[in-house]
Every structure is written in C-alpha cells, then in structure tokens.
Protein backbone atom coordinates (compact mmCIF):
# COMPACT_ATOMS: atom_id res chain seq x y z
CA MET A 1 0.35 0.00 -0.04
CA TRP A 2 1.36 3.69 -1.20
CA LYS A 3 0.96 6.04 1.05
CA LEU A 4 1.53 10.09 0.93
CA ARG A 5 3.88 11.93 3.08
CA SER A 6 4.03 15.84 3.87
CA ASP A 7 7.76 17.12 4.02
CA LEU A 8 6.49 20.92 4.66
CA THR A 9 7.82 22.94 7.34
CA LEU A 10 5.99 25.03 9.97
CA SER A 11 8.87 27.71 8.71
CA ALA A 12 8.23 27.36 4.99
CA ILE A 13 4.31 27.35 6.05
CA LEU A 14 4.98 30.77 7.94
CA GLY A 15 6.67 32.35 5.11
CA HIS A 16 4.34 31.42 2.97
CA LEU A 17 1.93 33.06 4.66
CA VAL A 18 3.40 36.47 5.60
CA LEU A 19 4.27 36.77 1.84
CA TRP A 20 0.41 36.25 1.37
CA PHE A 21 -0.55 38.75 3.82
CA VAL A 22 1.48 41.39 2.35
CA LEU A 23 0.19 40.54 -1.19
CA VAL A 24 -3.84 40.39 -0.17
CA VAL A 25 -2.95 43.76 1.72
CA VAL A 26 -1.17 45.55 -1.31
CA THR A 27 -3.95 44.23 -3.74
CA CYS A 28 -6.87 45.70 -1.51
CA GLY A 29 -8.06 41.45 -1.22
CA PHE A 30 -7.84 40.38 -4.65
CA ALA A 31 -4.39 38.41 -3.98
CA ALA A 32 -6.54 36.07 -1.77
CA PHE A 33 -8.44 34.79 -4.83
CA LEU A 34 -4.65 33.69 -5.92
CA PHE A 35 -3.57 32.16 -2.49
CA PRO A 36 -5.63 29.07 -2.55
CA TYR A 37 -3.41 28.24 -5.98
CA SER A 38 -0.35 29.10 -4.62
CA ALA A 39 -1.03 26.98 -0.78
CA GLY A 40 -1.82 24.09 -3.19
CA VAL A 41 1.17 24.20 -5.09
CA LEU A 42 3.23 24.29 -1.98
CA ILE A 43 1.30 21.56 -0.28
CA ILE A 44 1.49 19.26 -3.63
CA ASN A 45 5.04 19.94 -4.01
CA ALA A 46 6.24 18.88 -0.21
CA THR A 47 4.28 15.35 -0.46
CA THR A 48 6.85 12.11 -1.26
CA LEU A 49 4.86 9.08 -2.59
CA VAL A 50 6.36 5.88 -0.10
CA ASP A 51 5.71 2.47 0.13
CA GLU A 52 4.70 0.58 3.29
CA ARG A 53 8.20 0.27 4.34
CA GLY A 54 8.70 4.11 3.97
CA SER A 55 10.87 4.49 1.03
CA GLN A 56 9.83 7.24 -1.24
CA LEU A 57 9.02 5.99 -4.75
CA GLY A 58 8.53 9.40 -5.88
CA ARG A 59 7.82 13.29 -5.32
CA LEU A 60 4.19 14.93 -6.07
CA ARG A 61 4.82 17.95 -8.73
CA CYS A 62 2.11 20.43 -9.68
CA ASN A 63 2.99 21.86 -12.76
CA GLN A 64 1.24 24.97 -12.06
CA ASP A 65 1.91 28.64 -11.62
CA VAL A 66 -0.28 31.08 -9.99
CA THR A 67 0.35 33.91 -12.71
CA GLY A 68 -1.17 32.10 -15.13
CA HIS A 69 -4.69 32.32 -13.06
CA ILE A 70 -4.80 35.66 -12.76
CA GLY A 71 -8.12 35.66 -15.41
CA HIS A 72 -9.35 32.60 -13.62
CA ALA A 73 -9.15 34.75 -9.98
CA LEU A 74 -10.90 37.66 -11.69
CA LEU A 75 -13.81 35.75 -13.20
CA TRP A 76 -14.30 34.30 -10.00
CA TRP A 77 -13.21 37.49 -7.65
CA LEU A 78 -16.66 38.98 -10.07
CA LEU A 79 -18.75 35.92 -9.33
CA THR A 80 -18.25 35.73 -5.67
CA LEU A 81 -19.01 40.00 -5.62
CA VAL A 82 -22.75 38.97 -7.53
CA THR A 83 -23.53 36.11 -5.54
CA LEU A 84 -22.49 38.18 -2.57
CA GLY A 85 -20.04 35.20 -1.50
CA VAL A 86 -21.65 32.21 -2.45
CA ALA A 87 -19.39 31.37 -5.51
CA GLY A 88 -16.18 31.35 -3.56
CA PHE A 89 -17.10 28.19 -2.03
CA VAL A 90 -17.70 26.92 -5.47
CA TYR A 91 -14.05 28.31 -6.58
CA MET A 92 -12.23 26.51 -3.63
CA TYR A 93 -13.20 22.89 -4.93
CA ARG A 94 -12.44 24.63 -8.64
CA VAL A 95 -8.86 24.95 -7.60
CA SER A 96 -8.27 21.81 -6.26
CA THR A 97 -9.55 19.85 -9.29
CA ASP A 98 -7.14 22.34 -11.63
CA LEU A 99 -4.47 21.80 -9.43
CA LEU A 100 -4.84 17.81 -8.93
CA ASN A 101 -5.06 17.68 -12.74
CA ALA A 102 -1.42 19.50 -13.40
CA THR A 103 -0.20 16.83 -10.39
CA THR A 104 2.62 14.34 -11.71
CA VAL A 105 4.77 11.73 -9.90
CA GLU A 106 8.48 12.29 -10.65
CA GLY A 107 10.85 9.24 -10.20
CA ALA A 108 8.21 6.89 -9.58
CA ARG A 109 9.41 3.32 -10.28
C-alpha cells in the first residue's frame, strides 16, 4: 500500500503566509483569490509518495504557476461579488480540481 507523506515545514508555511498576507493587503484583497492556488502548489510539491516500508517512490509535482491564473481569479472574484460570496465556495473546489489535474509523480518506479 502506498501512502503520501508531507515534508512541509512550519517555517515554510509561516513564510508563505506572511508573503501572501502582504500581497493581500497591497492588492486590496484581490490576491486572496490567487492564494488557494499558491497554497495548493506549496502543499503538493512538498509531498512524497512512499511505500509501506517508508521508502520514497516519487515526489508529487504540480506544474502550475500562480501567474497563469490571474484571469481565472478575476472571473471568480467578479462572480463572488455578484453572488455575495456564494461563488467563493465553488471556487475552492475548482482550484483543487485544477491543481490535482496538473499534478504528476516524478521519479516513480
């Protein structure tokens, strides 16, 4: 049985959060719609596929960059404004789907 193991450190999480907090403040909140992409990529890229003995079989790699999603985030930002926030819940699922579809396992035997 294969498992997923996260190698994400607390310092990487805190650094990521501080960076995105500053970006959200500077962009008056718009960066908050790009944050789920960045957080998902951070988590996925810090994940390793291991076997039942704990031996590494491969690493997950998400081949997405945040800058390519600015138009997508703008569309969902507008939908969220029009629907008074309801579209934001759907947006989170859509982001997860996009990131998982762009993820591969590198180095798998």
